[in-house]
PDB file of all heavy atoms in Angstrom:
ATOM      1  N   ILE A   1     -98.411-207.293  80.215  1.00  0.00           N
ATOM      2  CA  ILE A   1     -98.604-205.820  80.296  1.00  0.00           C
ATOM      3  C   ILE A   1     -98.340-205.186  78.938  1.00  0.00           C
ATOM      4  O   ILE A   1     -98.872-204.089  78.649  1.00  0.00           O
ATOM      5  CB  ILE A   1     -97.647-205.262  81.391  1.00  0.00           C
ATOM      6  CG1 ILE A   1     -97.966-203.770  81.639  1.00  0.00           C
ATOM      7  CG2 ILE A   1     -96.214-205.410  81.052  1.00  0.00           C
ATOM      8  CD1 ILE A   1     -97.203-203.193  82.782  1.00  0.00           C
ATOM      9  N   ASN A   2     -97.554-205.767  78.081  1.00  0.00           N
ATOM     10  CA  ASN A   2     -97.219-205.192  76.805  1.00  0.00           C
ATOM     11  C   ASN A   2     -98.180-205.551  75.669  1.00  0.00           C
ATOM     12  O   ASN A   2     -98.100-204.956  74.597  1.00  0.00           O
ATOM     13  CB  ASN A   2     -95.790-205.625  76.378  1.00  0.00           C
ATOM     14  CG  ASN A   2     -94.764-204.897  77.190  1.00  0.00           C
ATOM     15  OD1 ASN A   2     -94.947-203.753  77.632  1.00  0.00           O
ATOM     16  ND2 ASN A   2     -93.644-205.546  77.459  1.00  0.00           N
ATOM     17  N   GLU A   3     -99.124-206.425  75.945  1.00  0.00           N
ATOM     18  CA  GLU A   3    -100.162-206.786  74.899  1.00  0.00           C
ATOM     19  C   GLU A   3    -100.922-205.534  74.494  1.00  0.00           C
ATOM     20  O   GLU A   3    -101.166-205.283  73.324  1.00  0.00           O
ATOM     21  CB  GLU A   3    -101.016-207.885  75.449  1.00  0.00           C
ATOM     22  CG  GLU A   3    -102.147-208.304  74.517  1.00  0.00           C
ATOM     23  CD  GLU A   3    -103.430-207.547  74.831  1.00  0.00           C
ATOM     24  OE1 GLU A   3    -103.654-207.125  75.971  1.00  0.00           O
ATOM     25  OE2 GLU A   3    -104.202-207.323  73.861  1.00  0.00           O
ATOM     26  N   GLY A   4    -101.380-204.740  75.481  1.00  0.00           N
ATOM     27  CA  GLY A   4    -102.149-203.548  75.188  1.00  0.00           C
ATOM     28  C   GLY A   4    -101.319-202.505  74.412  1.00  0.00           C
ATOM     29  O   GLY A   4    -101.819-201.826  73.521  1.00  0.00           O
ATOM     30  N   PHE A   5    -100.045-202.416  74.731  1.00  0.00           N
ATOM     31  CA  PHE A   5     -99.112-201.500  74.037  1.00  0.00           C
ATOM     32  C   PHE A   5     -99.031-201.887  72.567  1.00  0.00           C
ATOM     33  O   PHE A   5     -99.099-201.021  71.679  1.00  0.00           O
ATOM     34  CB  PHE A   5     -97.755-201.560  74.699  1.00  0.00           C
ATOM     35  CG  PHE A   5     -96.731-200.650  74.037  1.00  0.00           C
ATOM     36  CD1 PHE A   5     -96.872-199.262  74.054  1.00  0.00           C
ATOM     37  CD2 PHE A   5     -95.660-201.215  73.349  1.00  0.00           C
ATOM     38  CE1 PHE A   5     -95.940-198.470  73.420  1.00  0.00           C
ATOM     39  CE2 PHE A   5     -94.728-200.411  72.756  1.00  0.00           C
ATOM     40  CZ  PHE A   5     -94.848-199.055  72.767  1.00  0.00           C
ATOM     41  N   ALA A   6     -98.904-203.197  72.293  1.00  0.00           N
ATOM     42  CA  ALA A   6     -98.852-203.640  70.886  1.00  0.00           C
ATOM     43  C   ALA A   6    -100.101-203.268  70.128  1.00  0.00           C
ATOM     44  O   ALA A   6    -100.061-202.849  68.998  1.00  0.00           O
ATOM     45  CB  ALA A   6     -98.571-205.139  70.842  1.00  0.00           C
ATOM     46  N   ARG A   7    -101.270-203.383  70.787  1.00  0.00           N
ATOM     47  CA  ARG A   7    -102.546-203.019  70.125  1.00  0.00           C
ATOM     48  C   ARG A   7    -102.559-201.575  69.756  1.00  0.00           C
ATOM     49  O   ARG A   7    -103.015-201.240  68.694  1.00  0.00           O
ATOM     50  CB  ARG A   7    -103.708-203.355  71.082  1.00  0.00           C
ATOM     51  CG  ARG A   7    -104.019-204.803  71.286  1.00  0.00           C
ATOM     52  CD  ARG A   7    -104.979-204.996  72.462  1.00  0.00           C
ATOM     53  NE  ARG A   7    -106.212-204.247  72.324  1.00  0.00           N
ATOM     54  CZ  ARG A   7    -107.368-204.783  71.915  1.00  0.00           C
ATOM     55  NH1 ARG A   7    -107.419-206.023  71.595  1.00  0.00           N
ATOM     56  NH2 ARG A   7    -108.451-204.033  71.846  1.00  0.00           N
ATOM     57  N   VAL A   8    -102.093-200.730  70.668  1.00  0.00           N
ATOM     58  CA  VAL A   8    -102.121-199.284  70.423  1.00  0.00           C
ATOM     59  C   VAL A   8    -101.186-198.897  69.321  1.00  0.00           C
ATOM     60  O   VAL A   8    -101.504-198.101  68.450  1.00  0.00           O
ATOM     61  CB  VAL A   8    -101.786-198.525  71.709  1.00  0.00           C
ATOM     62  CG1 VAL A   8    -101.527-197.008  71.437  1.00  0.00           C
ATOM     63  CG2 VAL A   8    -102.878-198.692  72.767  1.00  0.00           C
ATOM     64  N   VAL A   9     -99.986-199.519  69.278  1.00  0.00           N
ATOM     65  CA  VAL A   9     -99.013-199.242  68.228  1.00  0.00           C
ATOM     66  C   VAL A   9     -99.620-199.601  66.853  1.00  0.00           C
ATOM     67  O   VAL A   9     -99.549-198.825  65.915  1.00  0.00           O
ATOM     68  CB  VAL A   9     -97.699-199.977  68.489  1.00  0.00           C
ATOM     69  CG1 VAL A   9     -96.789-199.901  67.234  1.00  0.00           C
ATOM     70  CG2 VAL A   9     -96.989-199.407  69.688  1.00  0.00           C
ATOM     71  N   VAL A  10    -100.168-200.800  66.745  1.00  0.00           N
ATOM     72  CA  VAL A  10    -100.734-201.256  65.472  1.00  0.00           C
ATOM     73  C   VAL A  10    -101.933-200.394  65.076  1.00  0.00           C
ATOM     74  O   VAL A  10    -102.071-200.009  63.911  1.00  0.00           O
ATOM     75  CB  VAL A  10    -101.126-202.720  65.575  1.00  0.00           C
ATOM     76  CG1 VAL A  10    -101.960-203.125  64.331  1.00  0.00           C
ATOM     77  CG2 VAL A  10     -99.878-203.582  65.654  1.00  0.00           C
ATOM     78  N   SER A  11    -102.705-199.943  66.033  1.00  0.00           N
ATOM     79  CA  SER A  11    -103.839-199.060  65.753  1.00  0.00           C
ATOM     80  C   SER A  11    -103.382-197.756  65.208  1.00  0.00           C
ATOM     81  O   SER A  11    -103.915-197.233  64.222  1.00  0.00           O
ATOM     82  CB  SER A  11    -104.627-198.875  67.044  1.00  0.00           C
ATOM     83  OG  SER A  11    -105.697-197.986  66.892  1.00  0.00           O
ATOM     84  N   ALA A  12    -102.374-197.158  65.842  1.00  0.00           N
ATOM     85  CA  ALA A  12    -101.821-195.862  65.360  1.00  0.00           C
ATOM     86  C   ALA A  12    -101.206-196.028  64.007  1.00  0.00           C
ATOM     87  O   ALA A  12    -101.328-195.148  63.143  1.00  0.00           O
ATOM     88  CB  ALA A  12    -100.819-195.324  66.370  1.00  0.00           C
ATOM     89  N   PHE A  13    -100.540-197.132  63.751  1.00  0.00           N
ATOM     90  CA  PHE A  13     -99.898-197.384  62.476  1.00  0.00           C
ATOM     91  C   PHE A  13    -100.918-197.488  61.347  1.00  0.00           C
ATOM     92  O   PHE A  13    -100.658-196.993  60.237  1.00  0.00           O
ATOM     93  CB  PHE A  13     -99.092-198.691  62.567  1.00  0.00           C
ATOM     94  CG  PHE A  13     -98.372-199.044  61.318  1.00  0.00           C
ATOM     95  CD1 PHE A  13     -97.277-198.307  60.854  1.00  0.00           C
ATOM     96  CD2 PHE A  13     -98.763-200.108  60.532  1.00  0.00           C
ATOM     97  CE1 PHE A  13     -96.613-198.630  59.723  1.00  0.00           C
ATOM     98  CE2 PHE A  13     -98.117-200.450  59.418  1.00  0.00           C
ATOM     99  CZ  PHE A  13     -97.013-199.725  58.952  1.00  0.00           C
ATOM    100  N   ALA A  14    -102.049-198.099  61.615  1.00  0.00           N
ATOM    101  CA  ALA A  14    -103.085-198.282  60.568  1.00  0.00           C
ATOM    102  C   ALA A  14    -103.915-196.990  60.324  1.00  0.00           C
ATOM    103  O   ALA A  14    -104.596-196.885  59.314  1.00  0.00           O
ATOM    104  CB  ALA A  14    -104.028-199.435  60.954  1.00  0.00           C
ATOM    105  N   ALA A  15    -103.861-196.046  61.232  1.00  0.00           N
ATOM    106  CA  ALA A  15    -104.687-194.856  61.166  1.00  0.00           C
ATOM    107  C   ALA A  15    -104.632-194.109  59.831  1.00  0.00           C
ATOM    108  O   ALA A  15    -105.692-193.601  59.381  1.00  0.00           O
ATOM    109  CB  ALA A  15    -104.337-193.908  62.307  1.00  0.00           C
ATOM    110  N   PRO A  16    -103.496-193.967  59.153  1.00  0.00           N
ATOM    111  CA  PRO A  16    -103.498-193.220  57.901  1.00  0.00           C
ATOM    112  C   PRO A  16    -104.366-193.813  56.811  1.00  0.00           C
ATOM    113  O   PRO A  16    -104.763-193.148  55.886  1.00  0.00           O
ATOM    114  CB  PRO A  16    -102.045-193.271  57.444  1.00  0.00           C
ATOM    115  CG  PRO A  16    -101.261-193.419  58.728  1.00  0.00           C
ATOM    116  CD  PRO A  16    -102.148-194.288  59.605  1.00  0.00           C
ATOM    117  N   LEU A  17    -104.752-195.096  56.967  1.00  0.00           N
ATOM    118  CA  LEU A  17    -105.690-195.725  55.999  1.00  0.00           C
ATOM    119  C   LEU A  17    -107.132-195.408  56.254  1.00  0.00           C
ATOM    120  O   LEU A  17    -107.995-195.792  55.546  1.00  0.00           O
ATOM    121  CB  LEU A  17    -105.509-197.250  55.982  1.00  0.00           C
ATOM    122  CG  LEU A  17    -104.137-197.743  55.454  1.00  0.00           C
ATOM    123  CD1 LEU A  17    -104.068-199.264  55.575  1.00  0.00           C
ATOM    124  CD2 LEU A  17    -103.907-197.325  54.006  1.00  0.00           C
ATOM    125  N   ASP A  18    -107.378-194.648  57.388  1.00  0.00           N
ATOM    126  CA  ASP A  18    -108.711-194.208  57.747  1.00  0.00           C
ATOM    127  C   ASP A  18    -109.649-195.424  57.944  1.00  0.00           C
ATOM    128  O   ASP A  18    -110.731-195.491  57.352  1.00  0.00           O
ATOM    129  CB  ASP A  18    -109.295-193.221  56.755  1.00  0.00           C
ATOM    130  CG  ASP A  18    -110.488-192.461  57.292  1.00  0.00           C
ATOM    131  OD1 ASP A  18    -110.591-192.363  58.547  1.00  0.00           O
ATOM    132  OD2 ASP A  18    -111.270-191.961  56.502  1.00  0.00           O
ATOM    133  N   PRO A  19    -109.243-196.380  58.766  1.00  0.00           N
ATOM    134  CA  PRO A  19    -110.106-197.605  58.960  1.00  0.00           C
ATOM    135  C   PRO A  19    -111.385-197.303  59.661  1.00  0.00           C
ATOM    136  O   PRO A  19    -111.445-196.346  60.443  1.00  0.00           O
ATOM    137  CB  PRO A  19    -109.193-198.521  59.787  1.00  0.00           C
ATOM    138  CG  PRO A  19    -108.287-197.582  60.505  1.00  0.00           C
ATOM    139  CD  PRO A  19    -108.069-196.434  59.605  1.00  0.00           C
ATOM    140  N   THR A  20    -112.379-198.105  59.432  1.00  0.00           N
ATOM    141  CA  THR A  20    -113.592-197.978  60.210  1.00  0.00           C
ATOM    142  C   THR A  20    -113.322-198.498  61.610  1.00  0.00           C
ATOM    143  O   THR A  20    -112.309-199.156  61.857  1.00  0.00           O
ATOM    144  CB  THR A  20    -114.730-198.831  59.604  1.00  0.00           C
ATOM    145  OG1 THR A  20    -114.349-200.217  59.664  1.00  0.00           O
ATOM    146  CG2 THR A  20    -115.024-198.429  58.144  1.00  0.00           C
ATOM    147  N   LEU A  21    -114.182-198.207  62.569  1.00  0.00           N
ATOM    148  CA  LEU A  21    -113.998-198.705  63.902  1.00  0.00           C
ATOM    149  C   LEU A  21    -114.000-200.217  63.916  1.00  0.00           C
ATOM    150  O   LEU A  21    -113.224-200.805  64.658  1.00  0.00           O
ATOM    151  CB  LEU A  21    -115.116-198.155  64.820  1.00  0.00           C
ATOM    152  CG  LEU A  21    -115.050-196.661  65.146  1.00  0.00           C
ATOM    153  CD1 LEU A  21    -116.199-196.229  65.983  1.00  0.00           C
ATOM    154  CD2 LEU A  21    -113.724-196.288  65.822  1.00  0.00           C
ATOM    155  N   GLU A  22    -114.816-200.847  63.091  1.00  0.00           N
ATOM    156  CA  GLU A  22    -114.851-202.294  63.039  1.00  0.00           C
ATOM    157  C   GLU A  22    -113.531-202.876  62.488  1.00  0.00           C
ATOM    158  O   GLU A  22    -113.004-203.827  63.036  1.00  0.00           O
ATOM    159  CB  GLU A  22    -116.038-202.788  62.177  1.00  0.00           C
ATOM    160  CG  GLU A  22    -116.147-204.279  62.125  1.00  0.00           C
ATOM    161  CD  GLU A  22    -117.352-204.758  61.285  1.00  0.00           C
ATOM    162  OE1 GLU A  22    -118.169-203.906  60.892  1.00  0.00           O
ATOM    163  OE2 GLU A  22    -117.394-205.954  61.036  1.00  0.00           O
ATOM    164  N   GLU A  23    -113.004-202.272  61.404  1.00  0.00           N
ATOM    165  CA  GLU A  23    -111.720-202.735  60.858  1.00  0.00           C
ATOM    166  C   GLU A  23    -110.617-202.592  61.920  1.00  0.00           C
ATOM    167  O   GLU A  23    -109.770-203.498  62.067  1.00  0.00           O
ATOM    168  CB  GLU A  23    -111.373-201.921  59.617  1.00  0.00           C
ATOM    169  CG  GLU A  23    -112.237-202.250  58.419  1.00  0.00           C
ATOM    170  CD  GLU A  23    -112.057-201.276  57.289  1.00  0.00           C
ATOM    171  OE1 GLU A  23    -111.686-200.107  57.516  1.00  0.00           O
ATOM    172  OE2 GLU A  23    -112.297-201.685  56.133  1.00  0.00           O
ATOM    173  N   LEU A  24    -110.609-201.458  62.603  1.00  0.00           N
ATOM    174  CA  LEU A  24    -109.583-201.235  63.624  1.00  0.00           C
ATOM    175  C   LEU A  24    -109.705-202.253  64.791  1.00  0.00           C
ATOM    176  O   LEU A  24    -108.738-202.798  65.234  1.00  0.00           O
ATOM    177  CB  LEU A  24    -109.686-199.790  64.142  1.00  0.00           C
ATOM    178  CG  LEU A  24    -108.447-199.219  64.802  1.00  0.00           C
ATOM    179  CD1 LEU A  24    -107.227-199.328  63.907  1.00  0.00           C
ATOM    180  CD2 LEU A  24    -108.726-197.740  65.123  1.00  0.00           C
ATOM    181  N   ALA A  25    -110.952-202.477  65.204  1.00  0.00           N
ATOM    182  CA  ALA A  25    -111.157-203.408  66.314  1.00  0.00           C
ATOM    183  C   ALA A  25    -110.736-204.831  65.915  1.00  0.00           C
ATOM    184  O   ALA A  25    -110.138-205.577  66.692  1.00  0.00           O
ATOM    185  CB  ALA A  25    -112.641-203.408  66.717  1.00  0.00           C
ATOM    186  N   ASP A  26    -111.042-205.185  64.642  1.00  0.00           N
ATOM    187  CA  ASP A  26    -110.647-206.532  64.146  1.00  0.00           C
ATOM    188  C   ASP A  26    -109.131-206.704  64.183  1.00  0.00           C
ATOM    189  O   ASP A  26    -108.621-207.692  64.665  1.00  0.00           O
ATOM    190  CB  ASP A  26    -111.134-206.721  62.695  1.00  0.00           C
ATOM    191  CG  ASP A  26    -112.636-206.903  62.566  1.00  0.00           C
ATOM    192  OD1 ASP A  26    -113.331-207.000  63.614  1.00  0.00           O
ATOM    193  OD2 ASP A  26    -113.103-206.928  61.425  1.00  0.00           O
ATOM    194  N   LEU A  27    -108.430-205.675  63.677  1.00  0.00           N
ATOM    195  CA  LEU A  27    -106.954-205.739  63.626  1.00  0.00           C
ATOM    196  C   LEU A  27    -106.363-205.804  65.022  1.00  0.00           C
ATOM    197  O   LEU A  27    -105.483-206.588  65.323  1.00  0.00           O
ATOM    198  CB  LEU A  27    -106.454-204.506  62.846  1.00  0.00           C
ATOM    199  CG  LEU A  27    -104.948-204.466  62.617  1.00  0.00           C
ATOM    200  CD1 LEU A  27    -104.452-205.665  61.788  1.00  0.00           C
ATOM    201  CD2 LEU A  27    -104.579-203.167  61.876  1.00  0.00           C
ATOM    202  N   LYS A  28    -106.873-204.958  65.934  1.00  0.00           N
ATOM    203  CA  LYS A  28    -106.387-204.952  67.287  1.00  0.00           C
ATOM    204  C   LYS A  28    -106.624-206.271  67.991  1.00  0.00           C
ATOM    205  O   LYS A  28    -105.746-206.762  68.736  1.00  0.00           O
ATOM    206  CB  LYS A  28    -107.011-203.769  68.075  1.00  0.00           C
ATOM    207  CG  LYS A  28    -106.481-202.430  67.632  1.00  0.00           C
ATOM    208  CD  LYS A  28    -107.270-201.233  68.146  1.00  0.00           C
ATOM    209  CE  LYS A  28    -107.722-201.274  69.557  1.00  0.00           C
ATOM    210  NZ  LYS A  28    -108.428-200.028  69.990  1.00  0.00           N
ATOM    211  N   THR A  29    -107.744-206.866  67.777  1.00  0.00           N
ATOM    212  CA  THR A  29    -108.087-208.145  68.412  1.00  0.00           C
ATOM    213  C   THR A  29    -107.160-209.247  67.877  1.00  0.00           C
ATOM    214  O   THR A  29    -106.644-210.036  68.659  1.00  0.00           O
ATOM    215  CB  THR A  29    -109.549-208.521  68.124  1.00  0.00           C
ATOM    216  OG1 THR A  29    -110.405-207.500  68.682  1.00  0.00           O
ATOM    217  CG2 THR A  29    -109.902-209.862  68.743  1.00  0.00           C
ATOM    218  N   ALA A  30    -106.933-209.280  66.584  1.00  0.00           N
ATOM    219  CA  ALA A  30    -106.040-210.278  66.003  1.00  0.00           C
ATOM    220  C   ALA A  30    -104.609-210.142  66.506  1.00  0.00           C
ATOM    221  O   ALA A  30    -103.956-211.119  66.901  1.00  0.00           O
ATOM    222  CB  ALA A  30    -106.082-210.193  64.482  1.00  0.00           C
ATOM    223  N   VAL A  31    -104.092-208.888  66.597  1.00  0.00           N
ATOM    224  CA  VAL A  31    -102.773-208.659  67.144  1.00  0.00           C
ATOM    225  C   VAL A  31    -102.723-209.089  68.590  1.00  0.00           C
ATOM    226  O   VAL A  31    -101.737-209.680  69.036  1.00  0.00           O
ATOM    227  CB  VAL A  31    -102.349-207.176  66.931  1.00  0.00           C
ATOM    228  CG1 VAL A  31    -101.128-206.823  67.731  1.00  0.00           C
ATOM    229  CG2 VAL A  31    -102.152-206.920  65.447  1.00  0.00           C
ATOM    230  N   SER A  32    -103.714-208.746  69.340  1.00  0.00           N
ATOM    231  CA  SER A  32    -103.777-209.121  70.745  1.00  0.00           C
ATOM    232  C   SER A  32    -103.648-210.621  70.939  1.00  0.00           C
ATOM    233  O   SER A  32    -102.898-211.125  71.773  1.00  0.00           O
ATOM    234  CB  SER A  32    -105.104-208.609  71.365  1.00  0.00           C
ATOM    235  OG  SER A  32    -105.191-208.995  72.693  1.00  0.00           O
ATOM    236  N   GLU A  33    -104.358-211.382  70.103  1.00  0.00           N
ATOM    237  CA  GLU A  33    -104.327-212.858  70.168  1.00  0.00           C
ATOM    238  C   GLU A  33    -102.906-213.374  69.806  1.00  0.00           C
ATOM    239  O   GLU A  33    -102.424-214.283  70.459  1.00  0.00           O
ATOM    240  CB  GLU A  33    -105.340-213.447  69.267  1.00  0.00           C
ATOM    241  CG  GLU A  33    -106.808-213.280  69.768  1.00  0.00           C
ATOM    242  CD  GLU A  33    -107.094-214.000  71.053  1.00  0.00           C
ATOM    243  OE1 GLU A  33    -106.486-215.059  71.321  1.00  0.00           O
ATOM    244  OE2 GLU A  33    -107.927-213.532  71.797  1.00  0.00           O
ATOM    245  N   ALA A  34    -102.347-212.798  68.812  1.00  0.00           N
ATOM    246  CA  ALA A  34    -100.998-213.236  68.399  1.00  0.00           C
ATOM    247  C   ALA A  34     -99.968-213.002  69.465  1.00  0.00           C
ATOM    248  O   ALA A  34     -99.141-213.847  69.772  1.00  0.00           O
ATOM    249  CB  ALA A  34    -100.590-212.569  67.060  1.00  0.00           C
ATOM    250  N   VAL A  35     -99.986-211.805  70.058  1.00  0.00           N
ATOM    251  CA  VAL A  35     -99.063-211.455  71.127  1.00  0.00           C
ATOM    252  C   VAL A  35     -99.278-212.333  72.361  1.00  0.00           C
ATOM    253  O   VAL A  35     -98.362-212.858  72.948  1.00  0.00           O
ATOM    254  CB  VAL A  35     -99.124-209.962  71.489  1.00  0.00           C
ATOM    255  CG1 VAL A  35     -98.349-209.604  72.724  1.00  0.00           C
ATOM    256  CG2 VAL A  35     -98.614-209.128  70.324  1.00  0.00           C
TER     257      VAL A  35
END
């Protein structure tokens, strides 16, 4: 249940770098796999 939460936290954390949707999706997917 917390895997999705980790994805959202990392996504919000990366937001100030103004990532593209693809960059954000890549990061969220990698974090999801690690968790």
